[in-house]
PDB file of N, CA and C in Angstrom:
ATOM      1  N   UNK A   1       0.846  -1.185   0.000  1.00  0.00           N
ATOM      2  CA  UNK A   1       0.000   0.000   0.000  1.00  0.00           C
ATOM      3  C   UNK A   1       0.887   1.242   0.000  1.00  0.00           C
ATOM      4  N   UNK A   2       0.522   2.193  -0.823  1.00  0.00           N
ATOM      5  CA  UNK A   2       1.292   3.424  -0.920  1.00  0.00           C
ATOM      6  C   UNK A   2       1.146   4.248   0.355  1.00  0.00           C
ATOM      7  N   UNK A   3       2.185   5.013   0.717  1.00  0.00           N
ATOM      8  CA  UNK A   3       2.108   5.828   1.936  1.00  0.00           C
ATOM      9  C   UNK A   3       0.955   6.818   1.928  1.00  0.00           C
ATOM     10  N   UNK A   4       0.515   7.246   0.748  1.00  0.00           N
ATOM     11  CA  UNK A   4      -0.579   8.214   0.671  1.00  0.00           C
ATOM     12  C   UNK A   4      -1.944   7.542   0.701  1.00  0.00           C
ATOM     13  N   UNK A   5      -1.971   6.235   0.808  1.00  0.00           N
ATOM     14  CA  UNK A   5      -3.244   5.515   0.883  1.00  0.00           C
ATOM     15  C   UNK A   5      -3.190   4.530   2.047  1.00  0.00           C
ATOM     16  N   UNK A   6      -3.148   5.069   3.235  1.00  0.00           N
ATOM     17  CA  UNK A   6      -3.061   4.275   4.455  1.00  0.00           C
ATOM     18  C   UNK A   6      -4.462   3.871   4.896  1.00  0.00           C
ATOM     19  N   UNK A   7      -4.593   2.644   5.370  1.00  0.00           N
ATOM     20  CA  UNK A   7      -5.863   2.158   5.903  1.00  0.00           C
ATOM     21  C   UNK A   7      -5.629   1.757   7.358  1.00  0.00           C
ATOM     22  N   UNK A   8      -6.409   2.346   8.263  1.00  0.00           N
ATOM     23  CA  UNK A   8      -6.273   2.050   9.693  1.00  0.00           C
ATOM     24  C   UNK A   8      -7.636   1.753  10.281  1.00  0.00           C
ATOM     25  N   UNK A   9      -7.626   0.933  11.333  1.00  0.00           N
ATOM     26  CA  UNK A   9      -8.855   0.587  12.038  1.00  0.00           C
ATOM     27  C   UNK A   9      -8.740   0.963  13.506  1.00  0.00           C
ATOM     28  N   UNK A  10      -9.841   1.454  14.042  1.00  0.00           N
ATOM     29  CA  UNK A  10      -9.921   1.871  15.439  1.00  0.00           C
ATOM     30  C   UNK A  10     -11.221   1.306  16.010  1.00  0.00           C
ATOM     31  N   UNK A  11     -11.157   0.695  17.190  1.00  0.00           N
ATOM     32  CA  UNK A  11     -12.364   0.069  17.737  1.00  0.00           C
ATOM     33  C   UNK A  11     -12.617   0.459  19.190  1.00  0.00           C
ATOM     34  N   UNK A  12     -13.888   0.427  19.555  1.00  0.00           N
ATOM     35  CA  UNK A  12     -14.281   0.592  20.954  1.00  0.00           C
ATOM     36  C   UNK A  12     -14.776  -0.739  21.524  1.00  0.00           C
ATOM     37  N   UNK A  13     -14.623  -1.804  20.756  1.00  0.00           N
ATOM     38  CA  UNK A  13     -15.068  -3.131  21.170  1.00  0.00           C
ATOM     39  C   UNK A  13     -16.396  -3.525  20.547  1.00  0.00           C
ATOM     40  N   UNK A  14     -17.246  -2.553  20.279  1.00  0.00           N
ATOM     41  CA  UNK A  14     -18.558  -2.807  19.669  1.00  0.00           C
ATOM     42  C   UNK A  14     -18.555  -2.504  18.173  1.00  0.00           C
ATOM     43  N   UNK A  15     -17.925  -1.388  17.829  1.00  0.00           N
ATOM     44  CA  UNK A  15     -17.878  -0.953  16.430  1.00  0.00           C
ATOM     45  C   UNK A  15     -16.423  -0.624  16.085  1.00  0.00           C
ATOM     46  N   UNK A  16     -16.041  -0.915  14.854  1.00  0.00           N
ATOM     47  CA  UNK A  16     -14.703  -0.589  14.379  1.00  0.00           C
ATOM     48  C   UNK A  16     -14.814   0.435  13.258  1.00  0.00           C
ATOM     49  N   UNK A  17     -14.067   1.522  13.399  1.00  0.00           N
ATOM     50  CA  UNK A  17     -13.998   2.570  12.390  1.00  0.00           C
ATOM     51  C   UNK A  17     -12.834   2.235  11.466  1.00  0.00           C
ATOM     52  N   UNK A  18     -13.092   2.286  10.173  1.00  0.00           N
ATOM     53  CA  UNK A  18     -12.048   2.069   9.176  1.00  0.00           C
ATOM     54  C   UNK A  18     -11.815   3.398   8.466  1.00  0.00           C
ATOM     55  N   UNK A  19     -10.558   3.861   8.466  1.00  0.00           N
ATOM     56  CA  UNK A  19     -10.206   5.120   7.821  1.00  0.00           C
ATOM     57  C   UNK A  19      -9.219   4.855   6.698  1.00  0.00           C
ATOM     58  N   UNK A  20      -9.512   5.389   5.514  1.00  0.00           N
ATOM     59  CA  UNK A  20      -8.633   5.256   4.352  1.00  0.00           C
ATOM     60  C   UNK A  20      -8.162   6.646   3.938  1.00  0.00           C
ATOM     61  N   UNK A  21      -6.894   6.910   4.167  1.00  0.00           N
ATOM     62  CA  UNK A  21      -6.353   8.250   3.933  1.00  0.00           C
ATOM     63  C   UNK A  21      -6.470   8.699   2.486  1.00  0.00           C
ATOM     64  N   UNK A  22      -6.349   7.783   1.544  1.00  0.00           N
ATOM     65  CA  UNK A  22      -6.395   8.134   0.130  1.00  0.00           C
ATOM     66  C   UNK A  22      -7.747   8.651  -0.339  1.00  0.00           C
ATOM     67  N   UNK A  23      -8.798   8.350   0.399  1.00  0.00           N
ATOM     68  CA  UNK A  23     -10.141   8.811   0.043  1.00  0.00           C
ATOM     69  C   UNK A  23     -10.539  10.096   0.761  1.00  0.00           C
ATOM     70  N   UNK A  24      -9.822  10.432   1.819  1.00  0.00           N
ATOM     71  CA  UNK A  24     -10.211  11.551   2.679  1.00  0.00           C
ATOM     72  C   UNK A  24     -10.071  12.890   1.958  1.00  0.00           C
ATOM     73  N   UNK A  25     -11.153  13.675   1.967  1.00  0.00           N
ATOM     74  CA  UNK A  25     -11.152  15.013   1.362  1.00  0.00           C
ATOM     75  C   UNK A  25     -11.059  16.109   2.430  1.00  0.00           C
ATOM     76  N   UNK A  26     -10.909  15.723   3.687  1.00  0.00           N
ATOM     77  CA  UNK A  26     -10.744  16.646   4.808  1.00  0.00           C
ATOM     78  C   UNK A  26     -11.893  17.643   4.918  1.00  0.00           C
ATOM     79  N   UNK A  27     -13.109  17.138   4.755  1.00  0.00           N
ATOM     80  CA  UNK A  27     -14.296  17.990   4.861  1.00  0.00           C
ATOM     81  C   UNK A  27     -14.513  18.478   6.293  1.00  0.00           C
ATOM     82  N   UNK A  28     -14.025  17.713   7.266  1.00  0.00           N
ATOM     83  CA  UNK A  28     -14.185  18.096   8.667  1.00  0.00           C
ATOM     84  C   UNK A  28     -15.499  17.660   9.277  1.00  0.00           C
ATOM     85  N   UNK A  29     -16.343  16.968   8.520  1.00  0.00           N
ATOM     86  CA  UNK A  29     -17.627  16.520   9.066  1.00  0.00           C
ATOM     87  C   UNK A  29     -17.447  15.665  10.312  1.00  0.00           C
ATOM     88  N   UNK A  30     -16.471  14.787  10.296  1.00  0.00           N
ATOM     89  CA  UNK A  30     -16.261  13.893  11.440  1.00  0.00           C
ATOM     90  C   UNK A  30     -15.910  14.686  12.695  1.00  0.00           C
ATOM     91  N   UNK A  31     -15.032  15.657  12.546  1.00  0.00           N
ATOM     92  CA  UNK A  31     -14.600  16.474  13.687  1.00  0.00           C
ATOM     93  C   UNK A  31     -15.753  17.313  14.218  1.00  0.00           C
ATOM     94  N   UNK A  32     -16.520  17.914  13.330  1.00  0.00           N
ATOM     95  CA  UNK A  32     -17.656  18.743  13.762  1.00  0.00           C
ATOM     96  C   UNK A  32     -18.766  17.916  14.405  1.00  0.00           C
ATOM     97  N   UNK A  33     -19.007  16.714  13.889  1.00  0.00           N
ATOM     98  CA  UNK A  33     -20.102  15.894  14.386  1.00  0.00           C
ATOM     99  C   UNK A  33     -19.762  15.080  15.627  1.00  0.00           C
ATOM    100  N   UNK A  34     -18.485  14.787  15.830  1.00  0.00           N
ATOM    101  CA  UNK A  34     -18.106  13.964  16.981  1.00  0.00           C
ATOM    102  C   UNK A  34     -16.674  14.315  17.419  1.00  0.00           C
ATOM    103  N   UNK A  35     -16.472  15.524  17.959  1.00  0.00           N
ATOM    104  CA  UNK A  35     -15.124  15.959  18.336  1.00  0.00           C
ATOM    105  C   UNK A  35     -14.501  15.168  19.478  1.00  0.00           C
ATOM    106  N   UNK A  36     -15.321  14.409  20.201  1.00  0.00           N
ATOM    107  CA  UNK A  36     -14.781  13.575  21.277  1.00  0.00           C
ATOM    108  C   UNK A  36     -13.976  12.411  20.704  1.00  0.00           C
ATOM    109  N   UNK A  37     -14.319  11.991  19.501  1.00  0.00           N
ATOM    110  CA  UNK A  37     -13.667  10.847  18.856  1.00  0.00           C
ATOM    111  C   UNK A  37     -12.624  11.281  17.836  1.00  0.00           C
ATOM    112  N   UNK A  38     -12.962  12.246  17.004  1.00  0.00           N
ATOM    113  CA  UNK A  38     -12.105  12.646  15.887  1.00  0.00           C
ATOM    114  C   UNK A  38     -11.327  13.907  16.253  1.00  0.00           C
ATOM    115  N   UNK A  39     -10.031  13.722  16.541  1.00  0.00           N
ATOM    116  CA  UNK A  39      -9.163  14.816  16.975  1.00  0.00           C
ATOM    117  C   UNK A  39      -7.918  14.834  16.088  1.00  0.00           C
ATOM    118  N   UNK A  40      -7.961  15.561  14.968  1.00  0.00           N
ATOM    119  CA  UNK A  40      -6.886  15.504  13.986  1.00  0.00           C
ATOM    120  C   UNK A  40      -5.514  15.951  14.476  1.00  0.00           C
ATOM    121  N   UNK A  41      -5.454  16.666  15.586  1.00  0.00           N
ATOM    122  CA  UNK A  41      -4.152  17.124  16.088  1.00  0.00           C
ATOM    123  C   UNK A  41      -3.544  16.167  17.106  1.00  0.00           C
ATOM    124  N   UNK A  42      -4.214  15.045  17.361  1.00  0.00           N
ATOM    125  CA  UNK A  42      -3.713  14.080  18.334  1.00  0.00           C
ATOM    126  C   UNK A  42      -3.292  12.785  17.644  1.00  0.00           C
ATOM    127  N   UNK A  43      -2.529  11.979  18.342  1.00  0.00           N
ATOM    128  CA  UNK A  43      -2.126  10.654  17.858  1.00  0.00           C
ATOM    129  C   UNK A  43      -2.523   9.626  18.899  1.00  0.00           C
ATOM    130  N   UNK A  44      -3.282   8.612  18.596  1.00  0.00           N
ATOM    131  CA  UNK A  44      -4.001   8.461  17.336  1.00  0.00           C
ATOM    132  C   UNK A  44      -5.121   9.490  17.237  1.00  0.00           C
ATOM    133  N   UNK A  45      -5.472   9.833  16.031  1.00  0.00           N
ATOM    134  CA  UNK A  45      -6.442  10.916  15.850  1.00  0.00           C
ATOM    135  C   UNK A  45      -7.880  10.452  16.002  1.00  0.00           C
ATOM    136  N   UNK A  46      -8.110   9.145  16.031  1.00  0.00           N
ATOM    137  CA  UNK A  46      -9.451   8.595  16.246  1.00  0.00           C
ATOM    138  C   UNK A  46      -9.455   7.812  17.559  1.00  0.00           C
ATOM    139  N   UNK A  47     -10.339   8.193  18.477  1.00  0.00           N
ATOM    140  CA  UNK A  47     -10.452   7.543  19.785  1.00  0.00           C
ATOM    141  C   UNK A  47     -11.896   7.107  20.015  1.00  0.00           C
ATOM    142  N   UNK A  48     -12.294   5.957  19.461  1.00  0.00           N
ATOM    143  CA  UNK A  48     -13.693   5.540  19.540  1.00  0.00           C
ATOM    144  C   UNK A  48     -14.194   5.246  20.945  1.00  0.00           C
ATOM    145  N   UNK A  49     -13.311   5.051  21.888  1.00  0.00           N
ATOM    146  CA  UNK A  49     -13.749   4.789  23.257  1.00  0.00           C
ATOM    147  C   UNK A  49     -14.365   6.020  23.909  1.00  0.00           C
ATOM    148  N   UNK A  50     -14.247   7.173  23.265  1.00  0.00           N
ATOM    149  CA  UNK A  50     -14.765   8.420  23.828  1.00  0.00           C
ATOM    150  C   UNK A  50     -16.208   8.735  23.451  1.00  0.00           C
ATOM    151  N   UNK A  51     -16.908   7.792  22.811  1.00  0.00           N
ATOM    152  CA  UNK A  51     -18.277   8.064  22.370  1.00  0.00           C
ATOM    153  C   UNK A  51     -19.078   6.770  22.332  1.00  0.00           C
ATOM    154  N   UNK A  52     -20.369   6.913  22.136  1.00  0.00           N
ATOM    155  CA  UNK A  52     -21.213   5.728  21.995  1.00  0.00           C
ATOM    156  C   UNK A  52     -21.086   5.181  20.578  1.00  0.00           C
ATOM    157  N   UNK A  53     -21.340   3.911  20.432  1.00  0.00           N
ATOM    158  CA  UNK A  53     -21.294   3.281  19.115  1.00  0.00           C
ATOM    159  C   UNK A  53     -22.324   3.900  18.186  1.00  0.00           C
ATOM    160  N   UNK A  54     -23.485   4.236  18.718  1.00  0.00           N
ATOM    161  CA  UNK A  54     -24.538   4.832  17.907  1.00  0.00           C
ATOM    162  C   UNK A  54     -24.097   6.171  17.316  1.00  0.00           C
ATOM    163  N   UNK A  55     -23.471   7.002  18.136  1.00  0.00           N
ATOM    164  CA  UNK A  55     -23.018   8.309  17.650  1.00  0.00           C
ATOM    165  C   UNK A  55     -21.874   8.146  16.651  1.00  0.00           C
ATOM    166  N   UNK A  56     -21.006   7.170  16.866  1.00  0.00           N
ATOM    167  CA  UNK A  56     -19.918   6.902  15.920  1.00  0.00           C
ATOM    168  C   UNK A  56     -20.497   6.515  14.564  1.00  0.00           C
ATOM    169  N   UNK A  57     -21.447   5.606  14.565  1.00  0.00           N
ATOM    170  CA  UNK A  57     -22.061   5.154  13.310  1.00  0.00           C
ATOM    171  C   UNK A  57     -22.730   6.325  12.598  1.00  0.00           C
ATOM    172  N   UNK A  58     -23.458   7.138  13.340  1.00  0.00           N
ATOM    173  CA  UNK A  58     -24.132   8.313  12.772  1.00  0.00           C
ATOM    174  C   UNK A  58     -23.109   9.259  12.133  1.00  0.00           C
ATOM    175  N   UNK A  59     -21.986   9.473  12.801  1.00  0.00           N
ATOM    176  CA  UNK A  59     -20.935  10.354  12.296  1.00  0.00           C
ATOM    177  C   UNK A  59     -20.281   9.783  11.041  1.00  0.00           C
ATOM    178  N   UNK A  60     -19.938   8.511  11.070  1.00  0.00           N
ATOM    179  CA  UNK A  60     -19.282   7.873   9.924  1.00  0.00           C
ATOM    180  C   UNK A  60     -20.171   7.926   8.681  1.00  0.00           C
ATOM    181  N   UNK A  61     -21.458   7.749   8.880  1.00  0.00           N
ATOM    182  CA  UNK A  61     -22.395   7.786   7.746  1.00  0.00           C
ATOM    183  C   UNK A  61     -22.445   9.160   7.076  1.00  0.00           C
ATOM    184  N   UNK A  62     -22.004  10.206   7.777  1.00  0.00           N
ATOM    185  CA  UNK A  62     -22.003  11.561   7.229  1.00  0.00           C
ATOM    186  C   UNK A  62     -20.722  11.899   6.465  1.00  0.00           C
ATOM    187  N   UNK A  63     -19.796  10.961   6.375  1.00  0.00           N
ATOM    188  CA  UNK A  63     -18.533  11.206   5.670  1.00  0.00           C
ATOM    189  C   UNK A  63     -18.800  11.271   4.163  1.00  0.00           C
ATOM    190  N   UNK A  64     -18.612  12.444   3.541  1.00  0.00           N
ATOM    191  CA  UNK A  64     -18.951  12.586   2.127  1.00  0.00           C
ATOM    192  C   UNK A  64     -18.003  11.869   1.162  1.00  0.00           C
ATOM    193  N   UNK A  65     -16.789  11.606   1.593  1.00  0.00           N
ATOM    194  CA  UNK A  65     -15.801  11.000   0.691  1.00  0.00           C
ATOM    195  C   UNK A  65     -15.767   9.477   0.746  1.00  0.00           C
ATOM    196  N   UNK A  66     -16.359   8.916   1.791  1.00  0.00           N
ATOM    197  CA  UNK A  66     -16.282   7.471   1.966  1.00  0.00           C
ATOM    198  C   UNK A  66     -14.971   7.015   2.587  1.00  0.00           C
ATOM    199  N   UNK A  67     -14.180   7.966   3.083  1.00  0.00           N
ATOM    200  CA  UNK A  67     -12.911   7.625   3.729  1.00  0.00           C
ATOM    201  C   UNK A  67     -13.144   6.909   5.050  1.00  0.00           C
ATOM    202  N   UNK A  68     -14.278   7.184   5.684  1.00  0.00           N
ATOM    203  CA  UNK A  68     -14.647   6.531   6.936  1.00  0.00           C
ATOM    204  C   UNK A  68     -15.755   5.524   6.669  1.00  0.00           C
ATOM    205  N   UNK A  69     -15.535   4.315   7.131  1.00  0.00           N
ATOM    206  CA  UNK A  69     -16.563   3.286   7.114  1.00  0.00           C
ATOM    207  C   UNK A  69     -16.521   2.615   8.474  1.00  0.00           C
ATOM    208  N   UNK A  70     -17.423   1.697   8.703  1.00  0.00           N
ATOM    209  CA  UNK A  70     -17.433   1.007   9.995  1.00  0.00           C
ATOM    210  C   UNK A  70     -17.963  -0.400   9.793  1.00  0.00           C
ATOM    211  N   UNK A  71     -17.684  -1.228  10.792  1.00  0.00           N
ATOM    212  CA  UNK A  71     -18.342  -2.524  10.881  1.00  0.00           C
ATOM    213  C   UNK A  71     -18.562  -2.857  12.346  1.00  0.00           C
ATOM    214  N   UNK A  72     -19.619  -3.628  12.594  1.00  0.00           N
ATOM    215  CA  UNK A  72     -19.937  -4.044  13.963  1.00  0.00           C
ATOM    216  C   UNK A  72     -19.111  -5.272  14.299  1.00  0.00           C
ATOM    217  N   UNK A  73     -18.583  -5.301  15.506  1.00  0.00           N
ATOM    218  CA  UNK A  73     -17.785  -6.429  15.963  1.00  0.00           C
ATOM    219  C   UNK A  73     -18.705  -7.536  16.460  1.00  0.00           C
ATOM    220  N   UNK A  74     -18.313  -8.752  16.196  1.00  0.00           N
ATOM    221  CA  UNK A  74     -19.106  -9.900  16.677  1.00  0.00           C
ATOM    222  C   UNK A  74     -18.918 -10.031  18.174  1.00  0.00           C
ATOM    223  N   UNK A  75     -19.991 -10.405  18.835  1.00  0.00           N
ATOM    224  CA  UNK A  75     -19.945 -10.549  20.301  1.00  0.00           C
ATOM    225  C   UNK A  75     -19.603 -11.955  20.682  1.00  0.00           C
TER     226      UNK A  75
END
């Protein structure tokens, strides 16, 4: 995978956020909709343990570029 197309996963145990850097258009929707989770100036910049799974899913669905997706973890 090219350095400009990084794929990373972040989980809170219930839901896993998948981020693909090559698709990201930096619209800022994620940061505005869920600043507790999406903090671009921090490392790691996604902290799903800071929010509910429902709010994470709602936020990811608002990503216009498709850089953010999610999947539910099996129990």
